[in-house]
Protein backbone atom coordinates (compact mmCIF):
# COMPACT_ATOMS: atom_id res chain seq x y z
CA MET A 1 98.16 105.13 117.47
CA LYS A 2 98.65 108.91 116.64
CA PRO A 3 102.29 109.09 114.81
CA SER A 4 101.74 112.86 114.29
CA CYS A 5 105.50 113.52 115.49
CA PHE A 6 106.71 111.69 112.36
CA ARG A 7 104.96 114.03 110.05
CA VAL A 8 108.02 115.94 109.08
CA ILE A 9 109.83 112.94 108.69
CA PHE A 10 107.85 111.48 106.18
CA LEU A 11 106.85 114.61 104.36
CA LEU A 12 109.91 116.02 103.36
CA PRO A 13 111.24 112.81 101.71
CA PHE A 14 108.30 112.50 99.80
CA LEU A 15 107.96 116.11 98.48
CA LEU A 16 111.76 116.10 97.57
CA LYS A 17 111.65 112.71 95.65
CA LEU A 18 108.18 113.68 94.09
CA GLY A 19 110.11 116.58 92.53
CA LEU A 20 112.81 114.45 91.18
CA VAL A 21 110.41 111.29 89.86
CA ALA A 22 107.81 113.92 88.48
CA GLY A 23 110.55 115.72 86.29
CA SER A 24 111.31 112.27 84.70
CA ARG A 25 111.59 112.10 80.83
CA ALA A 26 110.83 108.49 80.98
CA PHE A 27 107.89 107.13 79.03
CA CYS A 28 105.25 106.36 81.26
CA GLY A 29 102.33 105.53 78.60
CA PRO A 30 101.01 102.55 77.47
CA ILE A 31 102.99 100.44 74.84
CA PRO A 32 101.47 98.18 71.84
CA ALA A 33 100.95 94.60 72.80
CA THR A 34 98.76 91.73 72.76
CA ASP A 35 96.80 90.44 75.94
CA ALA A 36 99.22 87.65 76.46
CA GLU A 37 102.30 89.65 76.43
CA LEU A 38 100.83 92.06 78.61
CA ILE A 39 100.05 89.04 81.17
CA HIS A 40 103.24 87.46 80.73
CA VAL A 41 105.22 90.60 82.02
CA ALA A 42 103.33 89.90 85.54
CA MET A 43 104.00 86.29 85.25
CA ASN A 44 107.24 86.82 85.91
CA LEU A 45 106.33 88.74 89.11
CA GLU A 46 104.13 85.45 89.94
CA PHE A 47 107.02 83.29 89.74
CA LEU A 48 109.04 85.64 91.94
CA GLU A 49 106.44 85.57 94.65
CA ALA A 50 105.77 81.96 94.37
CA GLU A 51 109.27 81.07 95.02
CA PHE A 52 109.95 83.57 97.66
CA PHE A 53 106.75 82.58 99.83
CA LEU A 54 107.29 78.83 99.30
CA TYR A 55 110.94 79.07 100.13
CA GLY A 56 109.80 81.36 103.06
CA ALA A 57 107.10 79.09 104.80
CA LEU A 58 108.51 75.80 103.37
CA GLY A 59 112.27 75.73 102.51
CA LYS A 60 111.40 74.70 99.38
CA GLY A 61 110.12 76.15 95.97
CA LEU A 62 107.79 75.52 92.67
CA ASP A 63 109.94 72.87 91.38
CA SER A 64 108.64 70.74 94.51
CA ILE A 65 104.72 71.79 93.90
CA ALA A 66 104.20 72.22 89.90
CA PRO A 67 107.52 71.78 88.53
CA TYR A 68 105.94 71.71 84.98
CA LEU A 69 104.95 75.51 85.17
CA ALA A 70 108.58 76.53 85.03
CA LEU A 71 108.81 75.25 81.54
CA GLY A 72 112.21 74.16 82.29
CA GLY A 73 113.53 77.61 83.66
CA PRO A 74 116.33 77.75 85.80
CA PRO A 75 115.65 77.37 89.88
CA PRO A 76 115.67 80.37 91.78
CA THR A 77 118.88 81.32 93.75
CA GLY A 78 119.11 82.11 97.52
CA GLY A 79 115.85 80.88 98.61
CA LYS A 80 115.46 79.30 102.10
CA ARG A 81 113.17 78.78 104.87
CA ALA A 82 112.65 81.88 107.13
CA ASN A 83 112.07 81.88 111.04
CA LEU A 84 108.66 82.71 110.98
CA ASP A 85 106.29 82.94 113.88
CA PRO A 86 103.35 80.46 113.61
CA LEU A 87 100.96 82.77 112.45
CA VAL A 88 102.69 84.20 109.98
CA GLN A 89 104.26 80.87 108.96
CA GLN A 90 100.73 79.81 108.12
CA ILE A 91 99.77 82.72 106.10
CA ILE A 92 102.92 82.73 103.85
CA GLU A 93 102.49 79.09 103.32
CA GLU A 94 98.89 80.24 101.70
CA PHE A 95 100.25 82.97 99.79
CA GLY A 96 102.99 80.62 98.21
CA TYR A 97 100.30 78.10 96.99
CA GLU A 98 97.92 81.05 96.00
CA GLU A 99 100.83 82.02 93.59
CA VAL A 100 101.11 78.41 92.18
CA GLY A 101 97.12 78.65 91.33
CA HIS A 102 98.05 82.23 89.65
CA LEU A 103 100.62 80.73 87.76
CA ARG A 104 98.41 77.84 86.54
CA ALA A 105 95.62 80.14 85.50
CA ILE A 106 97.82 82.27 83.51
CA TYR A 107 99.53 79.07 81.90
CA THR A 108 95.99 77.77 81.18
CA THR A 109 94.45 80.98 79.78
CA VAL A 110 97.12 82.60 77.32
CA GLY A 111 99.93 79.80 77.76
CA GLY A 112 102.97 80.15 79.71
CA ILE A 113 106.36 81.66 79.81
CA GLN A 114 109.75 80.01 81.02
CA ARG A 115 111.00 80.75 84.60
CA PRO A 116 113.41 83.50 84.53
CA LEU A 117 116.58 83.28 87.05
CA ILE A 118 115.19 84.76 89.93
CA ASP A 119 117.33 85.94 93.01
CA ILE A 120 115.89 85.44 96.28
CA SER A 121 119.16 85.76 98.34
CA ALA A 122 119.71 87.32 101.33
CA HIS A 123 122.57 89.47 99.71
CA ASN A 124 120.38 90.68 96.95
CA PHE A 125 117.74 92.02 99.32
CA ALA A 126 120.42 93.26 101.50
CA MET A 127 121.45 95.53 98.44
CA ILE A 128 118.17 96.66 97.80
CA VAL A 129 117.43 97.64 101.29
CA ASP A 130 120.82 99.61 101.29
CA GLU A 131 120.07 101.45 98.19
CA ALA A 132 116.62 102.43 99.89
CA LEU A 133 118.17 103.34 103.17
CA GLY A 134 121.04 105.26 101.18
CA HIS A 135 123.45 103.59 103.42
CA LYS A 136 124.79 100.09 104.50
CA LEU A 137 123.34 98.46 107.51
CA TRP A 138 125.31 96.31 109.60
CA PRO A 139 124.63 93.54 110.06
CA PRO A 140 123.21 93.46 106.72
CA PHE A 141 119.35 92.93 106.18
CA ASP A 142 118.38 89.00 106.14
CA PRO A 143 115.05 88.62 105.09
CA TYR A 144 115.04 85.34 106.55
CA LEU A 145 116.23 86.31 109.84
CA ASP A 146 112.60 86.45 111.57
CA THR A 147 109.13 87.43 111.32
CA VAL A 148 109.68 91.59 110.93
CA ASN A 149 112.35 91.07 108.59
CA TYR A 150 110.08 88.64 106.36
CA LEU A 151 107.46 90.88 106.42
CA LEU A 152 109.82 94.00 105.56
CA ALA A 153 111.16 91.85 102.21
CA SER A 154 107.41 90.81 101.52
CA TYR A 155 106.54 94.42 101.20
CA LEU A 156 109.19 94.87 98.22
CA ILE A 157 107.14 92.10 96.01
CA PRO A 158 103.44 91.64 95.68
CA TYR A 159 102.37 95.58 95.54
CA VAL A 160 104.49 95.75 92.32
CA GLY A 161 102.50 93.19 90.83
CA LEU A 162 99.47 94.61 91.96
CA THR A 163 99.96 97.99 90.27
CA GLY A 164 101.09 96.33 87.27
CA TYR A 165 97.94 94.42 87.16
CA VAL A 166 95.92 97.89 87.49
CA GLY A 167 97.80 99.28 84.88
CA THR A 168 97.06 96.39 82.72
CA ILE A 169 93.38 95.82 82.85
CA PRO A 170 92.23 99.23 80.94
CA ASN A 171 94.56 98.00 77.85
CA LEU A 172 93.22 94.57 77.72
CA SER A 173 90.81 93.87 74.70
CA ASN A 174 89.40 90.19 75.20
CA PHE A 175 86.55 89.37 77.99
CA THR A 176 88.58 86.19 78.89
CA THR A 177 91.70 87.62 80.00
CA LYS A 178 90.13 90.84 81.50
CA ALA A 179 88.40 88.02 83.95
CA LEU A 180 91.60 86.35 84.43
CA VAL A 181 93.67 89.52 85.35
CA ALA A 182 90.64 90.74 87.74
CA GLY A 183 90.72 87.69 89.47
CA LEU A 184 94.56 87.91 89.96
CA LEU A 185 94.40 91.70 91.03
CA GLY A 186 92.03 90.75 93.71
CA VAL A 187 94.22 87.88 95.62
CA GLU A 188 97.15 90.29 94.90
CA ALA A 189 95.60 93.11 96.53
CA GLY A 190 94.67 90.77 99.53
CA GLN A 191 98.25 90.05 99.99
CA ASP A 192 99.43 93.21 100.16
CA ALA A 193 96.98 94.33 102.39
CA VAL A 194 97.76 91.38 105.00
CA ILE A 195 101.41 92.41 104.60
CA ARG A 196 100.87 96.06 105.26
CA THR A 197 98.42 95.16 108.18
CA LEU A 198 100.79 93.11 109.84
CA LEU A 199 103.59 95.66 109.38
CA TYR A 200 101.30 98.43 110.22
CA GLU A 201 100.62 96.82 113.88
CA ARG A 202 104.41 97.30 114.33
CA ALA A 203 104.86 100.52 112.80
CA LEU A 204 106.86 102.25 115.47
CA GLU A 205 108.87 99.29 116.57
CA LYS A 206 112.43 99.78 115.74
CA VAL A 207 114.10 96.85 113.59
CA VAL A 208 116.40 95.06 115.91
CA PRO A 209 119.49 95.70 115.58
CA TYR A 210 119.02 98.71 113.81
CA ASP A 211 117.66 102.36 115.01
CA ILE A 212 115.10 102.23 112.19
CA THR A 213 111.33 101.77 112.72
CA VAL A 214 109.03 99.75 110.38
CA ALA A 215 107.36 102.38 109.20
CA GLU A 216 110.64 104.23 108.36
CA PHE A 217 111.80 101.09 106.33
CA THR A 218 108.34 101.19 104.41
CA ASN A 219 108.77 104.59 103.52
CA SER A 220 112.21 104.59 102.32
CA PHE A 221 111.10 101.28 100.44
CA SER A 222 108.17 103.10 98.43
CA ILE A 223 110.52 106.33 97.69
CA LEU A 224 112.89 103.97 96.35
CA ARG A 225 110.28 102.36 93.78
CA ASN A 226 108.78 105.78 92.87
CA GLU A 227 112.09 106.71 92.00
CA LEU A 228 113.04 103.64 90.06
CA GLY A 229 109.79 103.58 88.33
CA MET A 230 110.14 107.22 87.17
CA CYS A 231 106.52 108.06 86.61
CA GLY A 232 105.36 110.09 89.90
CA ILE A 233 104.15 108.70 93.20
CA LYS A 234 102.54 105.31 92.80
CA ASP A 235 104.01 104.05 96.17
CA GLU A 236 103.26 105.11 99.75
CA GLY A 237 104.63 103.72 103.09
CA ILE A 238 102.49 102.50 106.07
CA ILE A 239 102.58 105.66 107.61
CA VAL A 240 102.47 109.14 105.23
CA PRO A 241 102.04 112.70 105.62
CA PRO A 242 98.13 113.64 105.87
CA ALA A 243 98.55 115.50 101.68
CA LEU A 244 98.97 111.70 100.51
CA GLY A 245 96.47 109.96 102.95
CA ALA A 246 92.69 109.12 102.60
CA GLU A 247 90.72 112.35 101.96
CA GLN A 248 93.91 114.08 102.98
CA ARG A 249 92.78 113.65 106.55
CA ILE A 250 94.81 110.85 107.80
CA GLU A 251 98.43 109.80 108.27
CA THR A 252 97.49 105.94 108.57
CA ASN A 253 98.20 104.19 105.33
CA VAL A 254 97.23 100.46 105.65
CA LEU A 255 96.08 100.62 101.92
CA SER A 256 98.24 102.42 99.38
CA ALA A 257 96.03 104.74 97.00
CA ASN A 258 95.82 107.82 95.27
CA ARG A 259 93.63 110.90 96.30
CA SER A 260 90.41 109.25 95.23
CA SER A 261 91.62 105.98 97.32
CA LEU A 262 91.87 104.24 93.87
CA SER A 263 95.08 101.92 93.02
CA TYR A 264 97.86 102.98 91.48
CA PRO A 265 98.68 101.79 88.00
CA ARG A 266 102.05 100.96 86.58
CA THR A 267 103.02 99.93 83.05
CA PRO A 268 104.98 97.00 81.88
CA GLN A 269 108.21 99.44 81.61
CA GLU A 270 107.66 100.80 85.01
CA VAL A 271 107.23 97.23 86.76
CA LEU A 272 110.61 96.40 85.02
CA ARG A 273 112.44 99.35 85.98
CA VAL A 274 111.40 98.67 89.77
CA VAL A 275 112.10 94.69 90.09
CA TYR A 276 115.37 95.36 88.14
CA GLY A 277 116.64 97.75 90.63
CA THR A 278 117.92 99.63 87.53
CA GLY A 279 115.32 102.14 86.86
CA ASP A 280 115.87 101.23 83.26
CA GLU A 281 113.67 98.51 81.48
CA HIS A 282 116.59 97.69 79.34
CA ILE A 283 118.98 96.52 82.11
CA PRO A 284 118.42 93.87 84.13
CA GLY A 285 119.42 93.32 87.74
CA GLY A 286 117.72 93.24 90.99
CA PHE A 287 115.30 89.94 91.23
CA PHE A 288 115.78 89.22 87.69
CA PRO A 289 119.72 89.15 86.98
CA ASP A 290 119.33 87.90 83.61
CA GLY A 291 115.84 89.96 82.94
CA ALA A 292 112.37 88.80 82.85
CA ASN A 293 110.98 86.56 80.09
CA GLY A 294 108.15 87.06 77.64
CA GLU A 295 107.88 89.06 74.18
CA ILE A 296 108.14 92.72 76.04
CA ALA A 297 110.88 92.07 78.55
CA ARG A 298 113.01 90.46 75.85
CA ARG A 299 112.28 93.15 73.37
CA PHE A 300 113.39 95.82 75.98
CA LEU A 301 116.57 94.01 76.61
CA GLU A 302 117.34 93.39 72.77
CA LYS A 303 116.88 96.95 72.26
CA LYS A 304 119.60 97.94 74.88
CA ALA A 305 121.63 95.48 73.41
């Protein structure tokens, strides 16, 4: 694949948005917190991934596999089985079970938090996609419609958790929690790589019925997340200008990484800004209509109130 003709299309949005997010006054540094509190921020995303993958593959969620891990939290809204091809269905089912394991590992090591209210409805995804593209799609984007749509929707989720874990590890003080997060990070990175590879295989295909390629969707999603995080470029689509590619030599971007090909880090507040879809860790929304759970997330919400 030689996507050089897409260079200008992808270069301009990235450079324009870079100027916007780099100039933000949002706080981007670490915050004081215990190891358990930092990991509990990520546990919210593990709940989100578990529910989305389990529903997508099986049509049922965490309550059908390990209900005790939810600690009585409300079931997610809008989840349903996706119309996936056999290969992707099997991969997504595996991912769902892996997320159950992640939740159990966190629960066992540092204790759990109550599952927050999670919105994985087609309507919510459609709103996120419309915001990323800057206009309403018709018909509305439906993540459960087919394999390509589901993979694009999946692109929106594990990577945020991955960057959160990368940002968390340097601020952990205990060997046991560092080992836990390192193990979680490895699998999250693997999941994201699989999703990005499956999308890259289809990079220049138009997503039916829209006149938009798979690569253009991923680029728009990443630009939106950079805007919401408000701390510079930490997110890249599957095709990028060479200036953002490995060693500044290639447009292929199966793995999103910085100039040294290291994973980008995000702080808890950046993660919350992104998954809330509000660009503000104090204002819930998006995948977490009532906000995330855990000491850090609730403290941000209380501060706004």
